């Protein structure tokens, strides 16, 4: 599964709690200026990818994540590692360390 940056914004909110289209739109309004129609299009795409699902609450759809945060983060990390660093974790850590993007204590922690 590959989430776009827009889909990450939505699923991050859904990991906090299930939400309706209007709740998502309101939560994202200041940052994105999306209308409810944009949120609906993104949710439809995410439904097709099976990354979210919904339950009916009366006439309202309440959306839930279908994937865990850990699953999505691991998938994203593996794709980045594979694409940018030929699958080599040491190469990635070395690159980050050599460009001062990671501290010595973070390297020790890894």
PDB file of N, CA and C in Angstrom:
ATOM      1  N   UNK A   1       0.839  -1.167   0.000  1.00  0.00           N
ATOM      2  CA  UNK A   1       0.000   0.000   0.000  1.00  0.00           C
ATOM      3  C   UNK A   1       0.886   1.232   0.000  1.00  0.00           C
ATOM      4  N   UNK A   2       0.532   2.173  -0.793  1.00  0.00           N
ATOM      5  CA  UNK A   2       1.302   3.414  -0.856  1.00  0.00           C
ATOM      6  C   UNK A   2       0.368   4.575  -0.572  1.00  0.00           C
ATOM      7  N   UNK A   3       0.665   5.297   0.501  1.00  0.00           N
ATOM      8  CA  UNK A   3      -0.143   6.447   0.869  1.00  0.00           C
ATOM      9  C   UNK A   3       0.506   7.717   0.338  1.00  0.00           C
ATOM     10  N   UNK A   4      -0.313   8.583  -0.230  1.00  0.00           N
ATOM     11  CA  UNK A   4       0.180   9.896  -0.652  1.00  0.00           C
ATOM     12  C   UNK A   4       0.301  10.774   0.591  1.00  0.00           C
ATOM     13  N   UNK A   5       0.939  11.908   0.447  1.00  0.00           N
ATOM     14  CA  UNK A   5       1.064  12.818   1.598  1.00  0.00           C
ATOM     15  C   UNK A   5      -0.316  13.290   2.071  1.00  0.00           C
ATOM     16  N   UNK A   6      -1.245  13.474   1.152  1.00  0.00           N
ATOM     17  CA  UNK A   6      -2.607  13.871   1.529  1.00  0.00           C
ATOM     18  C   UNK A   6      -3.302  12.759   2.309  1.00  0.00           C
ATOM     19  N   UNK A   7      -3.119  11.529   1.877  1.00  0.00           N
ATOM     20  CA  UNK A   7      -3.726  10.393   2.570  1.00  0.00           C
ATOM     21  C   UNK A   7      -3.118  10.212   3.958  1.00  0.00           C
ATOM     22  N   UNK A   8      -1.824  10.502   4.102  1.00  0.00           N
ATOM     23  CA  UNK A   8      -1.180  10.443   5.418  1.00  0.00           C
ATOM     24  C   UNK A   8      -1.852  11.412   6.386  1.00  0.00           C
ATOM     25  N   UNK A   9      -2.215  12.587   5.912  1.00  0.00           N
ATOM     26  CA  UNK A   9      -2.870  13.577   6.771  1.00  0.00           C
ATOM     27  C   UNK A   9      -4.188  13.019   7.311  1.00  0.00           C
ATOM     28  N   UNK A  10      -4.944  12.381   6.437  1.00  0.00           N
ATOM     29  CA  UNK A  10      -6.242  11.843   6.840  1.00  0.00           C
ATOM     30  C   UNK A  10      -6.081  10.655   7.781  1.00  0.00           C
ATOM     31  N   UNK A  11      -5.243   9.706   7.400  1.00  0.00           N
ATOM     32  CA  UNK A  11      -5.145   8.496   8.231  1.00  0.00           C
ATOM     33  C   UNK A  11      -4.530   8.795   9.592  1.00  0.00           C
ATOM     34  N   UNK A  12      -3.678   9.809   9.649  1.00  0.00           N
ATOM     35  CA  UNK A  12      -3.106  10.197  10.945  1.00  0.00           C
ATOM     36  C   UNK A  12      -4.200  10.654  11.909  1.00  0.00           C
ATOM     37  N   UNK A  13      -5.188  11.367  11.392  1.00  0.00           N
ATOM     38  CA  UNK A  13      -6.324  11.777  12.226  1.00  0.00           C
ATOM     39  C   UNK A  13      -7.190  10.585  12.611  1.00  0.00           C
ATOM     40  N   UNK A  14      -7.356   9.649  11.677  1.00  0.00           N
ATOM     41  CA  UNK A  14      -8.178   8.473  11.960  1.00  0.00           C
ATOM     42  C   UNK A  14      -7.523   7.540  12.975  1.00  0.00           C
ATOM     43  N   UNK A  15      -6.196   7.529  13.046  1.00  0.00           N
ATOM     44  CA  UNK A  15      -5.520   6.739  14.079  1.00  0.00           C
ATOM     45  C   UNK A  15      -5.802   7.307  15.456  1.00  0.00           C
ATOM     46  N   UNK A  16      -6.063   8.603  15.537  1.00  0.00           N
ATOM     47  CA  UNK A  16      -6.406   9.216  16.818  1.00  0.00           C
ATOM     48  C   UNK A  16      -7.812   8.826  17.251  1.00  0.00           C
ATOM     49  N   UNK A  17      -8.756   8.882  16.283  1.00  0.00           N
ATOM     50  CA  UNK A  17     -10.145   8.498  16.571  1.00  0.00           C
ATOM     51  C   UNK A  17     -10.922   8.430  15.255  1.00  0.00           C
ATOM     52  N   UNK A  18     -11.953   7.580  15.181  1.00  0.00           N
ATOM     53  CA  UNK A  18     -12.808   7.526  13.989  1.00  0.00           C
ATOM     54  C   UNK A  18     -13.486   8.881  13.780  1.00  0.00           C
ATOM     55  N   UNK A  19     -13.685   9.251  12.497  1.00  0.00           N
ATOM     56  CA  UNK A  19     -14.255  10.570  12.212  1.00  0.00           C
ATOM     57  C   UNK A  19     -15.137  10.527  10.973  1.00  0.00           C
ATOM     58  N   UNK A  20     -16.022  11.509  10.896  1.00  0.00           N
ATOM     59  CA  UNK A  20     -16.878  11.702   9.727  1.00  0.00           C
ATOM     60  C   UNK A  20     -16.154  12.599   8.719  1.00  0.00           C
ATOM     61  N   UNK A  21     -16.721  12.717   7.536  1.00  0.00           N
ATOM     62  CA  UNK A  21     -16.161  13.608   6.523  1.00  0.00           C
ATOM     63  C   UNK A  21     -16.090  15.040   7.056  1.00  0.00           C
ATOM     64  N   UNK A  22     -17.130  15.482   7.696  1.00  0.00           N
ATOM     65  CA  UNK A  22     -17.163  16.859   8.197  1.00  0.00           C
ATOM     66  C   UNK A  22     -16.139  17.072   9.313  1.00  0.00           C
ATOM     67  N   UNK A  23     -15.966  16.085  10.184  1.00  0.00           N
ATOM     68  CA  UNK A  23     -14.962  16.204  11.239  1.00  0.00           C
ATOM     69  C   UNK A  23     -13.555  16.276  10.646  1.00  0.00           C
ATOM     70  N   UNK A  24     -13.294  15.439   9.656  1.00  0.00           N
ATOM     71  CA  UNK A  24     -11.984  15.457   8.992  1.00  0.00           C
ATOM     72  C   UNK A  24     -11.755  16.796   8.293  1.00  0.00           C
ATOM     73  N   UNK A  25     -12.774  17.261   7.595  1.00  0.00           N
ATOM     74  CA  UNK A  25     -12.658  18.536   6.874  1.00  0.00           C
ATOM     75  C   UNK A  25     -12.335  19.661   7.844  1.00  0.00           C
ATOM     76  N   UNK A  26     -13.045  19.711   8.952  1.00  0.00           N
ATOM     77  CA  UNK A  26     -12.814  20.759   9.953  1.00  0.00           C
ATOM     78  C   UNK A  26     -11.415  20.650  10.552  1.00  0.00           C
ATOM     79  N   UNK A  27     -10.972  19.435  10.857  1.00  0.00           N
ATOM     80  CA  UNK A  27      -9.654  19.237  11.467  1.00  0.00           C
ATOM     81  C   UNK A  27      -8.521  19.620  10.522  1.00  0.00           C
ATOM     82  N   UNK A  28      -8.743  19.463   9.218  1.00  0.00           N
ATOM     83  CA  UNK A  28      -7.704  19.734   8.223  1.00  0.00           C
ATOM     84  C   UNK A  28      -7.807  21.125   7.600  1.00  0.00           C
ATOM     85  N   UNK A  29      -8.883  21.835   7.862  1.00  0.00           N
ATOM     86  CA  UNK A  29      -9.172  23.100   7.189  1.00  0.00           C
ATOM     87  C   UNK A  29      -8.044  24.123   7.281  1.00  0.00           C
ATOM     88  N   UNK A  30      -7.552  24.387   8.467  1.00  0.00           N
ATOM     89  CA  UNK A  30      -6.529  25.427   8.630  1.00  0.00           C
ATOM     90  C   UNK A  30      -5.237  25.075   7.888  1.00  0.00           C
ATOM     91  N   UNK A  31      -4.856  23.816   7.947  1.00  0.00           N
ATOM     92  CA  UNK A  31      -3.597  23.384   7.328  1.00  0.00           C
ATOM     93  C   UNK A  31      -3.697  23.245   5.810  1.00  0.00           C
ATOM     94  N   UNK A  32      -4.826  22.712   5.324  1.00  0.00           N
ATOM     95  CA  UNK A  32      -4.920  22.334   3.908  1.00  0.00           C
ATOM     96  C   UNK A  32      -5.851  23.199   3.074  1.00  0.00           C
ATOM     97  N   UNK A  33      -6.841  23.807   3.709  1.00  0.00           N
ATOM     98  CA  UNK A  33      -7.899  24.569   3.019  1.00  0.00           C
ATOM     99  C   UNK A  33      -8.734  23.663   2.099  1.00  0.00           C
ATOM    100  N   UNK A  34      -8.778  22.358   2.424  1.00  0.00           N
ATOM    101  CA  UNK A  34      -9.580  21.432   1.627  1.00  0.00           C
ATOM    102  C   UNK A  34     -11.065  21.631   1.918  1.00  0.00           C
ATOM    103  N   UNK A  35     -11.876  21.433   0.889  1.00  0.00           N
ATOM    104  CA  UNK A  35     -13.328  21.400   1.067  1.00  0.00           C
ATOM    105  C   UNK A  35     -13.718  19.960   1.396  1.00  0.00           C
ATOM    106  N   UNK A  36     -14.971  19.783   1.763  1.00  0.00           N
ATOM    107  CA  UNK A  36     -15.432  18.419   2.063  1.00  0.00           C
ATOM    108  C   UNK A  36     -15.354  17.544   0.815  1.00  0.00           C
ATOM    109  N   UNK A  37     -15.450  18.145  -0.354  1.00  0.00           N
ATOM    110  CA  UNK A  37     -15.390  17.370  -1.598  1.00  0.00           C
ATOM    111  C   UNK A  37     -13.990  16.797  -1.823  1.00  0.00           C
ATOM    112  N   UNK A  38     -12.976  17.538  -1.453  1.00  0.00           N
ATOM    113  CA  UNK A  38     -11.606  17.034  -1.546  1.00  0.00           C
ATOM    114  C   UNK A  38     -11.420  15.864  -0.587  1.00  0.00           C
ATOM    115  N   UNK A  39     -11.915  16.001   0.620  1.00  0.00           N
ATOM    116  CA  UNK A  39     -11.818  14.939   1.618  1.00  0.00           C
ATOM    117  C   UNK A  39     -12.561  13.696   1.129  1.00  0.00           C
ATOM    118  N   UNK A  40     -13.723  13.876   0.528  1.00  0.00           N
ATOM    119  CA  UNK A  40     -14.501  12.748   0.005  1.00  0.00           C
ATOM    120  C   UNK A  40     -13.724  12.016  -1.081  1.00  0.00           C
ATOM    121  N   UNK A  41     -13.108  12.754  -1.997  1.00  0.00           N
ATOM    122  CA  UNK A  41     -12.319  12.141  -3.077  1.00  0.00           C
ATOM    123  C   UNK A  41     -11.153  11.341  -2.491  1.00  0.00           C
ATOM    124  N   UNK A  42     -10.468  11.917  -1.524  1.00  0.00           N
ATOM    125  CA  UNK A  42      -9.338  11.221  -0.904  1.00  0.00           C
ATOM    126  C   UNK A  42      -9.806   9.970  -0.161  1.00  0.00           C
ATOM    127  N   UNK A  43     -10.908  10.071   0.553  1.00  0.00           N
ATOM    128  CA  UNK A  43     -11.436   8.906   1.266  1.00  0.00           C
ATOM    129  C   UNK A  43     -11.866   7.803   0.293  1.00  0.00           C
ATOM    130  N   UNK A  44     -12.449   8.203  -0.832  1.00  0.00           N
ATOM    131  CA  UNK A  44     -12.843   7.209  -1.838  1.00  0.00           C
ATOM    132  C   UNK A  44     -11.616   6.457  -2.340  1.00  0.00           C
ATOM    133  N   UNK A  45     -10.550   7.184  -2.612  1.00  0.00           N
ATOM    134  CA  UNK A  45      -9.294   6.566  -3.059  1.00  0.00           C
ATOM    135  C   UNK A  45      -8.751   5.624  -1.983  1.00  0.00           C
ATOM    136  N   UNK A  46      -8.830   6.064  -0.734  1.00  0.00           N
ATOM    137  CA  UNK A  46      -8.332   5.248   0.368  1.00  0.00           C
ATOM    138  C   UNK A  46      -9.197   4.006   0.585  1.00  0.00           C
ATOM    139  N   UNK A  47     -10.493   4.127   0.346  1.00  0.00           N
ATOM    140  CA  UNK A  47     -11.380   2.961   0.415  1.00  0.00           C
ATOM    141  C   UNK A  47     -10.982   1.924  -0.647  1.00  0.00           C
ATOM    142  N   UNK A  48     -10.669   2.408  -1.843  1.00  0.00           N
ATOM    143  CA  UNK A  48     -10.255   1.519  -2.932  1.00  0.00           C
ATOM    144  C   UNK A  48      -8.940   0.808  -2.615  1.00  0.00           C
ATOM    145  N   UNK A  49      -8.082   1.473  -1.866  1.00  0.00           N
ATOM    146  CA  UNK A  49      -6.797   0.884  -1.457  1.00  0.00           C
ATOM    147  C   UNK A  49      -6.931   0.013  -0.204  1.00  0.00           C
ATOM    148  N   UNK A  50      -8.123   0.002   0.368  1.00  0.00           N
ATOM    149  CA  UNK A  50      -8.387  -0.722   1.617  1.00  0.00           C
ATOM    150  C   UNK A  50      -7.543  -0.218   2.784  1.00  0.00           C
ATOM    151  N   UNK A  51      -7.265   1.071   2.806  1.00  0.00           N
ATOM    152  CA  UNK A  51      -6.536   1.644   3.930  1.00  0.00           C
ATOM    153  C   UNK A  51      -7.484   2.261   4.962  1.00  0.00           C
ATOM    154  N   UNK A  52      -8.741   2.487   4.560  1.00  0.00           N
ATOM    155  CA  UNK A  52      -9.782   2.934   5.492  1.00  0.00           C
ATOM    156  C   UNK A  52     -11.057   2.144   5.196  1.00  0.00           C
ATOM    157  N   UNK A  53     -11.956   2.161   6.151  1.00  0.00           N
ATOM    158  CA  UNK A  53     -13.297   1.612   5.967  1.00  0.00           C
ATOM    159  C   UNK A  53     -14.256   2.491   6.776  1.00  0.00           C
ATOM    160  N   UNK A  54     -15.537   2.263   6.584  1.00  0.00           N
ATOM    161  CA  UNK A  54     -16.495   3.075   7.337  1.00  0.00           C
ATOM    162  C   UNK A  54     -17.620   2.209   7.860  1.00  0.00           C
ATOM    163  N   UNK A  55     -18.276   2.748   8.862  1.00  0.00           N
ATOM    164  CA  UNK A  55     -19.493   2.158   9.412  1.00  0.00           C
ATOM    165  C   UNK A  55     -20.558   3.243   9.379  1.00  0.00           C
ATOM    166  N   UNK A  56     -21.773   2.833   9.122  1.00  0.00           N
ATOM    167  CA  UNK A  56     -22.886   3.781   9.099  1.00  0.00           C
ATOM    168  C   UNK A  56     -23.364   4.044  10.520  1.00  0.00           C
ATOM    169  N   UNK A  57     -23.545   5.310  10.835  1.00  0.00           N
ATOM    170  CA  UNK A  57     -24.126   5.732  12.102  1.00  0.00           C
ATOM    171  C   UNK A  57     -25.344   6.565  11.720  1.00  0.00           C
ATOM    172  N   UNK A  58     -26.462   5.893  11.578  1.00  0.00           N
ATOM    173  CA  UNK A  58     -27.642   6.552  11.010  1.00  0.00           C
ATOM    174  C   UNK A  58     -27.385   6.753   9.528  1.00  0.00           C
ATOM    175  N   UNK A  59     -27.423   8.000   9.085  1.00  0.00           N
ATOM    176  CA  UNK A  59     -27.140   8.310   7.675  1.00  0.00           C
ATOM    177  C   UNK A  59     -25.711   8.811   7.470  1.00  0.00           C
ATOM    178  N   UNK A  60     -24.923   8.799   8.529  1.00  0.00           N
ATOM    179  CA  UNK A  60     -23.572   9.342   8.482  1.00  0.00           C
ATOM    180  C   UNK A  60     -22.541   8.225   8.442  1.00  0.00           C
ATOM    181  N   UNK A  61     -21.534   8.383   7.577  1.00  0.00           N
ATOM    182  CA  UNK A  61     -20.426   7.433   7.518  1.00  0.00           C
ATOM    183  C   UNK A  61     -19.360   7.870   8.517  1.00  0.00           C
ATOM    184  N   UNK A  62     -18.936   6.938   9.345  1.00  0.00           N
ATOM    185  CA  UNK A  62     -17.843   7.182  10.276  1.00  0.00           C
ATOM    186  C   UNK A  62     -16.662   6.353   9.780  1.00  0.00           C
ATOM    187  N   UNK A  63     -15.545   7.022   9.504  1.00  0.00           N
ATOM    188  CA  UNK A  63     -14.382   6.382   8.900  1.00  0.00           C
ATOM    189  C   UNK A  63     -13.387   5.918   9.956  1.00  0.00           C
ATOM    190  N   UNK A  64     -12.795   4.758   9.682  1.00  0.00           N
ATOM    191  CA  UNK A  64     -11.819   4.116  10.554  1.00  0.00           C
ATOM    192  C   UNK A  64     -10.600   3.722   9.717  1.00  0.00           C
ATOM    193  N   UNK A  65      -9.429   3.669  10.319  1.00  0.00           N
ATOM    194  CA  UNK A  65      -8.270   3.160   9.583  1.00  0.00           C
ATOM    195  C   UNK A  65      -8.378   1.638   9.447  1.00  0.00           C
ATOM    196  N   UNK A  66      -7.972   1.114   8.306  1.00  0.00           N
ATOM    197  CA  UNK A  66      -7.944  -0.333   8.099  1.00  0.00           C
ATOM    198  C   UNK A  66      -6.536  -0.888   8.238  1.00  0.00           C
ATOM    199  N   UNK A  67      -5.578   0.008   8.406  1.00  0.00           N
ATOM    200  CA  UNK A  67      -4.194  -0.385   8.608  1.00  0.00           C
ATOM    201  C   UNK A  67      -3.683   0.287   9.877  1.00  0.00           C
ATOM    202  N   UNK A  68      -2.735  -0.341  10.528  1.00  0.00           N
ATOM    203  CA  UNK A  68      -2.178   0.237  11.743  1.00  0.00           C
ATOM    204  C   UNK A  68      -1.106   1.256  11.391  1.00  0.00           C
ATOM    205  N   UNK A  69      -0.841   2.116  12.328  1.00  0.00           N
ATOM    206  CA  UNK A  69       0.228   3.106  12.164  1.00  0.00           C
ATOM    207  C   UNK A  69       1.555   2.385  11.929  1.00  0.00           C
ATOM    208  N   UNK A  70       1.818   1.339  12.708  1.00  0.00           N
ATOM    209  CA  UNK A  70       3.067   0.581  12.584  1.00  0.00           C
ATOM    210  C   UNK A  70       3.211  -0.023  11.192  1.00  0.00           C
ATOM    211  N   UNK A  71       2.134  -0.599  10.696  1.00  0.00           N
ATOM    212  CA  UNK A  71       2.143  -1.204   9.357  1.00  0.00           C
ATOM    213  C   UNK A  71       2.450  -0.164   8.278  1.00  0.00           C
ATOM    214  N   UNK A  72       1.825   0.990   8.364  1.00  0.00           N
ATOM    215  CA  UNK A  72       2.035   2.052   7.369  1.00  0.00           C
ATOM    216  C   UNK A  72       3.447   2.623   7.461  1.00  0.00           C
ATOM    217  N   UNK A  73       3.921   2.853   8.678  1.00  0.00           N
ATOM    218  CA  UNK A  73       5.265   3.400   8.858  1.00  0.00           C
ATOM    219  C   UNK A  73       6.331   2.432   8.366  1.00  0.00           C
ATOM    220  N   UNK A  74       6.159   1.147   8.668  1.00  0.00           N
ATOM    221  CA  UNK A  74       7.118   0.142   8.222  1.00  0.00           C
ATOM    222  C   UNK A  74       7.134   0.043   6.704  1.00  0.00           C
ATOM    223  N   UNK A  75       5.964   0.061   6.095  1.00  0.00           N
ATOM    224  CA  UNK A  75       5.872   0.004   4.636  1.00  0.00           C
ATOM    225  C   UNK A  75       6.573   1.213   4.003  1.00  0.00           C
ATOM    226  N   UNK A  76       6.348   2.381   4.566  1.00  0.00           N
ATOM    227  CA  UNK A  76       6.967   3.607   4.052  1.00  0.00           C
ATOM    228  C   UNK A  76       8.487   3.562   4.223  1.00  0.00           C
ATOM    229  N   UNK A  77       8.937   3.095   5.379  1.00  0.00           N
ATOM    230  CA  UNK A  77      10.382   3.004   5.635  1.00  0.00           C
ATOM    231  C   UNK A  77      11.041   2.017   4.678  1.00  0.00           C
ATOM    232  N   UNK A  78      10.399   0.882   4.454  1.00  0.00           N
ATOM    233  CA  UNK A  78      10.962  -0.119   3.543  1.00  0.00           C
ATOM    234  C   UNK A  78      11.041   0.410   2.114  1.00  0.00           C
ATOM    235  N   UNK A  79      10.031   1.128   1.674  1.00  0.00           N
ATOM    236  CA  UNK A  79      10.042   1.704   0.324  1.00  0.00           C
ATOM    237  C   UNK A  79      11.141   2.745   0.176  1.00  0.00           C
ATOM    238  N   UNK A  80      11.281   3.601   1.175  1.00  0.00           N
ATOM    239  CA  UNK A  80      12.319   4.631   1.130  1.00  0.00           C
ATOM    240  C   UNK A  80      13.704   3.989   1.157  1.00  0.00           C
ATOM    241  N   UNK A  81      13.882   3.039   2.032  1.00  0.00           N
ATOM    242  CA  UNK A  81      15.166   2.350   2.138  1.00  0.00           C
ATOM    243  C   UNK A  81      15.527   1.668   0.825  1.00  0.00           C
ATOM    244  N   UNK A  82      14.566   1.005   0.233  1.00  0.00           N
ATOM    245  CA  UNK A  82      14.791   0.303  -1.028  1.00  0.00           C
ATOM    246  C   UNK A  82      15.085   1.264  -2.171  1.00  0.00           C
ATOM    247  N   UNK A  83      14.297   2.321  -2.256  1.00  0.00           N
ATOM    248  CA  UNK A  83      14.413   3.261  -3.373  1.00  0.00           C
ATOM    249  C   UNK A  83      15.664   4.135  -3.272  1.00  0.00           C
ATOM    250  N   UNK A  84      15.910   4.699  -2.118  1.00  0.00           N
ATOM    251  CA  UNK A  84      16.971   5.697  -1.986  1.00  0.00           C
ATOM    252  C   UNK A  84      18.316   5.128  -1.543  1.00  0.00           C
ATOM    253  N   UNK A  85      18.292   3.979  -0.875  1.00  0.00           N
ATOM    254  CA  UNK A  85      19.537   3.469  -0.304  1.00  0.00           C
ATOM    255  C   UNK A  85      19.826   2.023  -0.690  1.00  0.00           C
ATOM    256  N   UNK A  86      19.229   1.571  -1.789  1.00  0.00           N
ATOM    257  CA  UNK A  86      19.456   0.215  -2.304  1.00  0.00           C
ATOM    258  C   UNK A  86      19.202  -0.851  -1.242  1.00  0.00           C
ATOM    259  N   UNK A  87      18.293  -0.574  -0.335  1.00  0.00           N
ATOM    260  CA  UNK A  87      17.931  -1.533   0.706  1.00  0.00           C
ATOM    261  C   UNK A  87      18.913  -1.620   1.854  1.00  0.00           C
ATOM    262  N   UNK A  88      19.883  -0.732   1.892  1.00  0.00           N
ATOM    263  CA  UNK A  88      20.941  -0.809   2.904  1.00  0.00           C
ATOM    264  C   UNK A  88      20.687   0.157   4.056  1.00  0.00           C
ATOM    265  N   UNK A  89      20.380  -0.374   5.222  1.00  0.00           N
ATOM    266  CA  UNK A  89      20.200   0.459   6.405  1.00  0.00           C
ATOM    267  C   UNK A  89      21.513   1.138   6.812  1.00  0.00           C
ATOM    268  N   UNK A  90      22.647   0.422   6.805  1.00  0.00           N
ATOM    269  CA  UNK A  90      23.910   1.105   7.128  1.00  0.00           C
ATOM    270  C   UNK A  90      24.204   2.280   6.181  1.00  0.00           C
ATOM    271  N   UNK A  91      23.890   2.139   4.906  1.00  0.00           N
ATOM    272  CA  UNK A  91      24.108   3.225   3.956  1.00  0.00           C
ATOM    273  C   UNK A  91      23.238   4.435   4.311  1.00  0.00           C
ATOM    274  N   UNK A  92      21.980   4.182   4.704  1.00  0.00           N
ATOM    275  CA  UNK A  92      21.086   5.265   5.083  1.00  0.00           C
ATOM    276  C   UNK A  92      21.599   5.977   6.337  1.00  0.00           C
ATOM    277  N   UNK A  93      21.973   5.204   7.360  1.00  0.00           N
ATOM    278  CA  UNK A  93      22.452   5.798   8.606  1.00  0.00           C
ATOM    279  C   UNK A  93      23.737   6.582   8.351  1.00  0.00           C
ATOM    280  N   UNK A  94      24.628   6.018   7.549  1.00  0.00           N
ATOM    281  CA  UNK A  94      25.877   6.698   7.211  1.00  0.00           C
ATOM    282  C   UNK A  94      25.603   8.010   6.492  1.00  0.00           C
ATOM    283  N   UNK A  95      24.693   7.991   5.549  1.00  0.00           N
ATOM    284  CA  UNK A  95      24.333   9.193   4.805  1.00  0.00           C
ATOM    285  C   UNK A  95      23.767  10.269   5.727  1.00  0.00           C
ATOM    286  N   UNK A  96      22.882   9.871   6.630  1.00  0.00           N
ATOM    287  CA  UNK A  96      22.296  10.823   7.576  1.00  0.00           C
ATOM    288  C   UNK A  96      23.357  11.373   8.526  1.00  0.00           C
ATOM    289  N   UNK A  97      24.245  10.505   9.007  1.00  0.00           N
ATOM    290  CA  UNK A  97      25.289  10.931   9.934  1.00  0.00           C
ATOM    291  C   UNK A  97      26.279  11.873   9.251  1.00  0.00           C
ATOM    292  N   UNK A  98      26.647  11.546   8.025  1.00  0.00           N
ATOM    293  CA  UNK A  98      27.614  12.369   7.301  1.00  0.00           C
ATOM    294  C   UNK A  98      27.071  13.745   6.945  1.00  0.00           C
ATOM    295  N   UNK A  99      25.772  13.880   6.942  1.00  0.00           N
ATOM    296  CA  UNK A  99      25.152  15.166   6.611  1.00  0.00           C
ATOM    297  C   UNK A  99      24.528  15.836   7.835  1.00  0.00           C
ATOM    298  N   UNK A 100      24.968  15.402   9.007  1.00  0.00           N
ATOM    299  CA  UNK A 100      24.523  15.978  10.283  1.00  0.00           C
ATOM    300  C   UNK A 100      23.009  15.960  10.463  1.00  0.00           C
ATOM    301  N   UNK A 101      22.363  14.940   9.935  1.00  0.00           N
ATOM    302  CA  UNK A 101      20.912  14.803  10.080  1.00  0.00           C
ATOM    303  C   UNK A 101      20.556  13.850  11.225  1.00  0.00           C
ATOM    304  N   UNK A 102      21.580  13.249  11.809  1.00  0.00           N
ATOM    305  CA  UNK A 102      21.376  12.319  12.911  1.00  0.00           C
ATOM    306  C   UNK A 102      22.523  12.513  13.899  1.00  0.00           C
ATOM    307  N   UNK A 103      22.210  12.502  15.177  1.00  0.00           N
ATOM    308  CA  UNK A 103      23.229  12.765  16.200  1.00  0.00           C
ATOM    309  C   UNK A 103      23.949  11.475  16.595  1.00  0.00           C
ATOM    310  N   UNK A 104      25.069  11.618  17.279  1.00  0.00           N
ATOM    311  CA  UNK A 104      25.815  10.456  17.767  1.00  0.00           C
ATOM    312  C   UNK A 104      24.962   9.631  18.727  1.00  0.00           C
ATOM    313  N   UNK A 105      24.193  10.303  19.568  1.00  0.00           N
ATOM    314  CA  UNK A 105      23.342   9.563  20.527  1.00  0.00           C
ATOM    315  C   UNK A 105      22.248   8.794  19.787  1.00  0.00           C
ATOM    316  N   UNK A 106      21.725   9.356  18.698  1.00  0.00           N
ATOM    317  CA  UNK A 106      20.724   8.627  17.904  1.00  0.00           C
ATOM    318  C   UNK A 106      21.353   7.425  17.220  1.00  0.00           C
ATOM    319  N   UNK A 107      22.600   7.578  16.753  1.00  0.00           N
ATOM    320  CA  UNK A 107      23.304   6.443  16.143  1.00  0.00           C
ATOM    321  C   UNK A 107      23.506   5.352  17.180  1.00  0.00           C
ATOM    322  N   UNK A 108      23.920   5.736  18.391  1.00  0.00           N
ATOM    323  CA  UNK A 108      24.113   4.758  19.470  1.00  0.00           C
ATOM    324  C   UNK A 108      22.806   4.061  19.797  1.00  0.00           C
ATOM    325  N   UNK A 109      21.707   4.794  19.762  1.00  0.00           N
ATOM    326  CA  UNK A 109      20.391   4.220  20.062  1.00  0.00           C
ATOM    327  C   UNK A 109      19.996   3.181  19.017  1.00  0.00           C
ATOM    328  N   UNK A 110      20.354   3.452  17.757  1.00  0.00           N
ATOM    329  CA  UNK A 110      20.031   2.516  16.669  1.00  0.00           C
ATOM    330  C   UNK A 110      20.830   1.249  16.865  1.00  0.00           C
TER     331      UNK A 110
END
